[in-house]
Amino acid sequence: MIARALVVAVAAFLPFAAAQAQDAGGGDRQKVVNCYDADRNILRRVPRWRCKGDEVSDAEAQEIKSRRIRRGMGRLEPRKALFPGLKMVSSGTGFFVTGDGHVLTNDHVVDGCVRLSAKPTREKEHAPASLIGTDKPDDLAVIRYSGKVPAIAQFRKPIDLKLGDNIAVIGHPLHGLVAIKPIFVTGKVREFAPEKLDRWGRFAIDADIRRGNSGGPVIDERGYVVGVVSAKVNTPVMFQRTGQVMRDIGLIIRQDRALRFLERYDVAYKGANSRAALDDDRLFSLARTFVVRIGCWK
């Protein structure tokens, strides 16, 4: 029993003796220090032997804390409203047609808005825009953006679209939420009520058109604008009238109507027809530079 007690006593003493020896050999390892883990941006007060980051002075620790507070206040501070007292209640799409900031879109995108804003693809925030003119029967409007114009669209001249021709639509459609970045959708020119559409200055396409696409450009395989998105066929209504299911049919304002409208307001658009055909990636890269998201504020 005495021998066993001695063994236990010795075993209990050994860790204590080792710790004492470490303290004697390691100096002030138990001293509490400011330990800063820069990779995770964590600052803690821990014993020196537990610090896995950089040991910093009290003054440096205070500066790190102050930086955190300043960043937090910046994130919490609400951004100033573009138009105080108003809210953006809806949005649509448009596209630059001049280097002076003229943007072509739909009348129904800007109708009833107290103020207007526009945001090119690469900009983070909207900037004010002013209404220049509208045409309700043709559902067209031209506004002027107050910021820098990154690129302008060119119209196809002359235009000779045929049934089955490939086209693409670029805009900010609603997919539950407004698309912050423009979305590119391909399609084809299709046959649909040709007599009526001709009277209305429209043509039809097979493409997934949604709210928010309104006012966006329809481009051909070379990136030239051939029309302006106006609406989509109402599938339930068409089924009631015809008994046929008609999905993803977009109604497009013909280019001649759009150009006539721009000329009425002395907007000097550009037309061309020399570019070679582009693949979808290059088409999207080209179009996203001149497409604009338009905000309606009330």
Protein backbone atom coordinates (compact mmCIF):
# COMPACT_ATOMS: atom_id res chain seq x y z
CA MET A 1 0.00 0.00 0.00
CA ILE A 2 2.82 2.41 0.89
CA ALA A 3 4.60 1.60 -2.37
CA ARG A 4 1.40 2.17 -4.39
CA ALA A 5 0.83 5.53 -2.65
CA LEU A 6 4.36 6.58 -3.50
CA VAL A 7 3.84 5.69 -7.16
CA VAL A 8 0.60 7.75 -7.31
CA ALA A 9 2.26 10.68 -5.60
CA VAL A 10 5.18 10.59 -8.00
CA ALA A 11 2.83 10.34 -11.01
CA ALA A 12 0.83 13.35 -9.82
CA PHE A 13 3.98 15.33 -9.19
CA LEU A 14 5.56 14.72 -12.61
CA PRO A 15 3.14 16.91 -14.73
CA PHE A 16 3.40 19.69 -12.20
CA ALA A 17 7.18 19.48 -12.24
CA ALA A 18 7.19 19.42 -16.07
CA ALA A 19 4.96 22.52 -16.20
CA GLN A 20 7.22 24.27 -13.72
CA ALA A 21 10.21 23.36 -15.81
CA GLN A 22 8.49 24.67 -18.98
CA ASP A 23 7.68 27.96 -17.24
CA ALA A 24 11.22 28.25 -16.09
CA GLY A 25 12.58 27.50 -19.57
CA GLY A 26 9.86 29.23 -21.70
CA GLY A 27 9.68 32.53 -19.90
CA ASP A 28 6.21 34.12 -19.88
CA ARG A 29 4.30 31.60 -22.05
CA GLN A 30 1.30 31.98 -19.78
CA LYS A 31 1.16 35.74 -20.27
CA VAL A 32 -2.16 36.88 -21.85
CA VAL A 33 -1.59 38.69 -25.15
CA ASN A 34 -3.57 40.20 -28.07
CA CYS A 35 -3.57 37.48 -30.73
CA TYR A 36 -4.67 38.47 -34.26
CA ASP A 37 -5.51 35.87 -36.90
CA ALA A 38 -5.30 38.00 -40.07
CA ASP A 39 -6.62 35.28 -42.39
CA ARG A 40 -9.90 35.04 -40.47
CA ASN A 41 -9.82 38.60 -39.13
CA ILE A 42 -10.15 37.35 -35.53
CA LEU A 43 -8.69 39.20 -32.54
CA ARG A 44 -8.59 37.46 -29.14
CA ARG A 45 -6.96 37.74 -25.73
CA VAL A 46 -5.30 34.38 -25.06
CA PRO A 47 -2.24 32.97 -23.25
CA ARG A 48 0.83 33.45 -25.41
CA TRP A 49 1.32 29.71 -25.87
CA ARG A 50 -2.15 29.43 -27.43
CA CYS A 51 -1.69 32.25 -29.96
CA LYS A 52 -1.68 30.84 -33.50
CA GLY A 53 -1.61 34.25 -35.21
CA ASP A 54 0.32 37.48 -34.73
CA GLU A 55 0.88 39.02 -31.33
CA VAL A 56 -0.11 42.70 -31.50
CA SER A 57 0.19 45.58 -29.05
CA ASP A 58 -2.75 47.11 -27.21
CA ALA A 59 -2.64 50.10 -29.57
CA GLU A 60 -2.70 47.84 -32.66
CA ALA A 61 -5.56 45.81 -31.19
CA GLN A 62 -7.57 48.98 -30.62
CA GLU A 63 -7.01 50.06 -34.24
CA ILE A 64 -8.20 46.64 -35.51
CA LYS A 65 -11.36 46.98 -33.41
CA SER A 66 -11.91 50.53 -34.70
CA ARG A 67 -11.60 49.35 -38.31
CA ARG A 68 -14.23 46.68 -37.64
CA ILE A 69 -16.62 49.26 -36.21
CA ARG A 70 -16.12 51.60 -39.18
CA ARG A 71 -16.76 48.77 -41.67
CA GLY A 72 -19.86 47.69 -39.76
CA MET A 73 -21.24 51.21 -39.69
CA GLY A 74 -20.64 51.51 -43.44
CA ARG A 75 -22.58 48.33 -44.13
CA LEU A 76 -25.43 49.32 -41.83
CA GLU A 77 -25.76 52.84 -43.16
CA PRO A 78 -28.56 52.87 -45.77
CA ARG A 79 -27.70 54.04 -49.27
CA LYS A 80 -29.11 57.40 -50.21
CA ALA A 81 -32.21 57.13 -52.35
CA LEU A 82 -31.75 58.15 -55.96
CA PHE A 83 -35.04 60.05 -55.77
CA PRO A 84 -35.93 60.77 -52.12
CA GLY A 85 -39.52 59.94 -51.29
CA LEU A 86 -39.95 57.68 -54.34
CA LYS A 87 -39.53 53.94 -54.91
CA MET A 88 -38.68 51.96 -57.99
CA VAL A 89 -41.99 50.21 -58.63
CA SER A 90 -41.21 48.45 -61.91
CA SER A 91 -38.46 47.98 -64.45
CA GLY A 92 -37.93 47.20 -68.09
CA THR A 93 -35.21 47.08 -70.69
CA GLY A 94 -33.88 49.52 -73.26
CA PHE A 95 -30.77 50.01 -75.35
CA PHE A 96 -28.45 52.86 -76.26
CA VAL A 97 -28.91 54.23 -79.78
CA THR A 98 -26.63 57.31 -79.54
CA GLY A 99 -23.46 58.27 -77.74
CA ASP A 100 -25.38 61.19 -76.21
CA GLY A 101 -27.32 58.79 -74.00
CA HIS A 102 -30.54 58.24 -75.97
CA VAL A 103 -32.17 54.95 -74.98
CA LEU A 104 -34.98 53.30 -76.95
CA THR A 105 -37.60 51.36 -75.00
CA ASN A 106 -41.38 50.78 -74.76
CA ASP A 107 -43.98 53.38 -73.89
CA HIS A 108 -45.54 51.02 -71.35
CA VAL A 109 -42.19 50.78 -69.51
CA VAL A 110 -42.14 54.52 -68.78
CA ASP A 111 -45.88 55.24 -68.71
CA GLY A 112 -47.02 56.93 -65.48
CA CYS A 113 -43.53 57.12 -63.95
CA VAL A 114 -42.78 60.16 -61.81
CA ARG A 115 -39.03 59.76 -62.43
CA LEU A 116 -36.91 57.46 -64.55
CA SER A 117 -33.52 55.86 -64.07
CA ALA A 118 -31.24 53.68 -66.16
CA LYS A 119 -28.34 51.34 -65.45
CA PRO A 120 -25.94 49.97 -68.06
CA THR A 121 -24.69 46.43 -67.52
CA ARG A 122 -21.32 47.31 -66.00
CA GLU A 123 -22.59 50.04 -63.69
CA LYS A 124 -23.44 49.19 -60.08
CA GLU A 125 -26.11 51.84 -59.55
CA HIS A 126 -28.90 53.51 -61.47
CA ALA A 127 -28.51 57.09 -62.67
CA PRO A 128 -31.29 59.57 -63.50
CA ALA A 129 -32.81 59.58 -66.97
CA SER A 130 -35.22 62.02 -68.61
CA LEU A 131 -38.14 61.32 -70.93
CA ILE A 132 -37.72 62.70 -74.46
CA GLY A 133 -40.84 61.40 -76.20
CA THR A 134 -43.34 58.55 -76.58
CA ASP A 135 -45.66 56.94 -79.11
CA LYS A 136 -48.49 54.99 -77.50
CA PRO A 137 -49.88 53.27 -80.63
CA ASP A 138 -46.44 51.93 -81.53
CA ASP A 139 -45.53 51.40 -77.83
CA LEU A 140 -42.22 53.23 -78.15
CA ALA A 141 -40.38 55.72 -75.97
CA VAL A 142 -37.00 57.39 -75.99
CA ILE A 143 -35.29 58.56 -72.81
CA ARG A 144 -31.90 60.16 -72.14
CA TYR A 145 -29.44 58.67 -69.67
CA SER A 146 -27.36 61.10 -67.61
CA GLY A 147 -24.28 58.89 -67.22
CA LYS A 148 -21.51 57.64 -69.49
CA VAL A 149 -22.55 55.60 -72.53
CA PRO A 150 -20.46 52.41 -72.88
CA ALA A 151 -21.58 51.43 -76.41
CA ILE A 152 -24.43 51.95 -78.87
CA ALA A 153 -26.54 49.51 -80.88
CA GLN A 154 -26.59 49.55 -84.67
CA PHE A 155 -29.69 48.77 -86.72
CA ARG A 156 -29.61 46.33 -89.59
CA LYS A 157 -29.73 48.24 -92.87
CA PRO A 158 -31.37 47.17 -95.07
CA ILE A 159 -33.59 44.78 -93.18
CA ASP A 160 -34.73 41.63 -94.98
CA LEU A 161 -35.89 39.24 -92.25
CA LYS A 162 -37.39 35.94 -93.32
CA LEU A 163 -39.37 33.24 -91.51
CA GLY A 164 -36.99 30.91 -89.70
CA ASP A 165 -34.17 33.46 -89.38
CA ASN A 166 -32.23 33.18 -86.11
CA ILE A 167 -32.59 36.03 -83.65
CA ALA A 168 -31.74 36.74 -80.01
CA VAL A 169 -33.30 38.82 -77.22
CA ILE A 170 -31.30 40.50 -74.46
CA GLY A 171 -32.91 42.06 -71.40
CA HIS A 172 -33.77 42.00 -67.71
CA PRO A 173 -36.69 39.57 -67.46
CA LEU A 174 -38.51 38.66 -64.28
CA HIS A 175 -37.69 35.13 -63.10
CA GLY A 176 -39.20 35.63 -59.66
CA LEU A 177 -36.76 38.53 -59.23
CA VAL A 178 -35.48 41.06 -61.73
CA ALA A 179 -32.32 39.85 -63.43
CA ILE A 180 -29.50 42.12 -62.21
CA LYS A 181 -27.38 41.09 -65.17
CA PRO A 182 -28.88 40.87 -68.65
CA ILE A 183 -30.10 37.50 -69.88
CA PHE A 184 -29.58 36.26 -73.45
CA VAL A 185 -32.28 34.16 -75.14
CA THR A 186 -32.19 32.81 -78.69
CA GLY A 187 -35.14 32.16 -81.00
CA LYS A 188 -36.42 32.32 -84.56
CA VAL A 189 -38.74 34.49 -86.64
CA ARG A 190 -42.04 32.65 -86.90
CA GLU A 191 -45.40 32.74 -88.67
CA PHE A 192 -48.21 34.19 -86.54
CA ALA A 193 -51.29 36.18 -87.61
CA PRO A 194 -49.37 37.92 -90.42
CA GLU A 195 -52.21 40.20 -91.55
CA LYS A 196 -52.85 41.59 -88.06
CA LEU A 197 -49.17 41.92 -87.16
CA ASP A 198 -48.43 43.71 -90.41
CA ARG A 199 -51.12 46.29 -89.64
CA TRP A 200 -49.72 46.74 -86.13
CA GLY A 201 -46.14 47.05 -87.34
CA ARG A 202 -45.14 43.84 -85.57
CA PHE A 203 -43.62 40.44 -86.29
CA ALA A 204 -43.51 37.30 -84.17
CA ILE A 205 -40.65 35.23 -82.78
CA ASP A 206 -40.23 31.93 -80.93
CA ALA A 207 -38.48 32.96 -77.70
CA ASP A 208 -39.03 32.96 -73.94
CA ILE A 209 -40.21 36.56 -73.45
CA ARG A 210 -41.04 37.64 -69.89
CA ARG A 211 -42.02 40.77 -68.01
CA GLY A 212 -38.94 42.94 -67.82
CA ASN A 213 -37.87 42.07 -71.38
CA SER A 214 -40.13 44.88 -72.62
CA GLY A 215 -38.20 47.48 -74.62
CA GLY A 216 -35.19 45.26 -75.16
CA PRO A 217 -33.43 44.80 -78.50
CA VAL A 218 -34.01 41.89 -80.84
CA ILE A 219 -30.79 41.24 -82.78
CA ASP A 220 -29.86 39.10 -85.73
CA GLU A 221 -26.92 36.67 -86.04
CA ARG A 222 -24.52 39.54 -86.59
CA GLY A 223 -25.61 41.63 -83.63
CA TYR A 224 -27.67 44.23 -85.54
CA VAL A 225 -31.01 45.35 -84.10
CA VAL A 226 -34.00 44.20 -86.15
CA GLY A 227 -36.80 45.05 -83.70
CA VAL A 228 -37.90 46.00 -80.19
CA VAL A 229 -39.61 43.62 -77.74
CA SER A 230 -43.17 44.73 -77.02
CA ALA A 231 -45.17 41.81 -75.55
CA LYS A 232 -45.75 38.08 -75.57
CA VAL A 233 -48.78 36.10 -76.65
CA ASN A 234 -51.10 35.34 -73.74
CA THR A 235 -51.17 31.52 -73.71
CA PRO A 236 -54.44 31.01 -71.72
CA VAL A 237 -56.34 33.60 -73.80
CA MET A 238 -55.12 32.11 -77.08
CA PHE A 239 -56.13 28.64 -75.90
CA GLN A 240 -59.66 29.88 -75.11
CA ARG A 241 -59.94 31.52 -78.53
CA THR A 242 -58.30 28.88 -80.73
CA GLY A 243 -58.05 25.68 -78.68
CA GLN A 244 -54.30 25.67 -79.38
CA VAL A 245 -51.50 25.92 -76.82
CA MET A 246 -49.16 28.70 -77.95
CA ARG A 247 -46.17 29.20 -75.69
CA ASP A 248 -43.17 31.50 -75.90
CA ILE A 249 -44.35 33.66 -78.77
CA GLY A 250 -42.99 37.18 -78.60
CA LEU A 251 -44.47 40.17 -80.43
CA ILE A 252 -41.80 42.49 -81.76
CA ILE A 253 -42.05 46.09 -82.98
CA ARG A 254 -40.70 46.22 -86.51
CA GLN A 255 -37.51 48.12 -87.12
CA ASP A 256 -39.09 50.55 -89.61
CA ARG A 257 -41.57 51.73 -86.96
CA ALA A 258 -38.76 52.19 -84.43
CA LEU A 259 -36.57 54.18 -86.84
CA ARG A 260 -39.48 56.39 -87.91
CA PHE A 261 -40.11 57.15 -84.23
CA LEU A 262 -36.46 58.04 -83.59
CA GLU A 263 -36.40 60.34 -86.62
CA ARG A 264 -39.45 62.16 -85.27
CA TYR A 265 -37.38 63.16 -82.24
CA ASP A 266 -34.19 63.87 -84.24
CA VAL A 267 -32.31 60.95 -82.69
CA ALA A 268 -29.39 60.16 -85.00
CA TYR A 269 -29.26 56.34 -84.90
CA LYS A 270 -26.70 54.27 -86.82
CA GLY A 271 -27.27 51.44 -89.28
CA ALA A 272 -24.90 48.93 -90.87
CA ASN A 273 -24.82 45.51 -92.50
CA SER A 274 -21.16 44.52 -92.87
CA ARG A 275 -20.36 42.43 -89.79
CA ALA A 276 -19.90 38.66 -90.14
CA ALA A 277 -22.10 36.20 -88.25
CA LEU A 278 -21.17 35.70 -84.58
CA ASP A 279 -21.58 32.77 -82.23
CA ASP A 280 -23.89 33.13 -79.20
CA ASP A 281 -21.12 34.01 -76.74
CA ARG A 282 -19.82 36.82 -78.92
CA LEU A 283 -23.34 38.03 -79.63
CA PHE A 284 -24.08 38.24 -75.91
CA SER A 285 -20.77 40.00 -75.21
CA LEU A 286 -21.61 42.57 -77.86
CA ALA A 287 -25.24 43.16 -76.88
CA ARG A 288 -24.69 43.40 -73.13
CA THR A 289 -22.57 46.52 -73.68
CA PHE A 290 -25.50 48.54 -75.07
CA VAL A 291 -28.44 47.05 -73.16
CA VAL A 292 -29.87 49.06 -70.23
CA ARG A 293 -32.12 48.32 -67.29
CA ILE A 294 -34.74 51.06 -66.89
CA GLY A 295 -36.35 51.91 -63.55
CA CYS A 296 -39.81 53.45 -63.08
CA TRP A 297 -40.11 55.49 -59.87
CA LYS A 298 -43.31 56.57 -58.13
